[in-house]
């Protein structure tokens, strides 16, 4: 349902948002912790950096850190940053004769409702829900 680019961008955003404010994290460390290929993650982080979602710093003490101004970005905002004009389209089941929401066999999962639900969830909301989960615990060399 979501592209790898979106998934990787969301995972990286959550990891950075959960780190202490101002702390830079190296791409290598993020790649290992999140199990994302380093080259793919680096490209995703470059897009997030260009959009101002994260701050990046080159050099030996550099890396990426969360830009707290991004706390209020929604999941739709993140998808648009990473994928361009993002919109749910079509039937979740792939049915070709699906019509407007009143004709949908899964109206609670209509494109409009999914879009609205994702618009209502901020990156900070997601990060807080992930706090304490093993994927986002800081590594020993942090």
Foldseek 3Di string as FASTA:
>chain_A
DDDPLLVLLLLVLLLQVPDPPPQFDALVQLCVLQVHPSVSSVVSVVLCCVVVQWPWDDDDRTHIHGDVVQQAAFSCNSCCSRPNNDFDDDAPVNDPPQDPLVRHPPSCPPRVNVVVVRRPHGSNNVSVVCPPPSSNDDDPVD
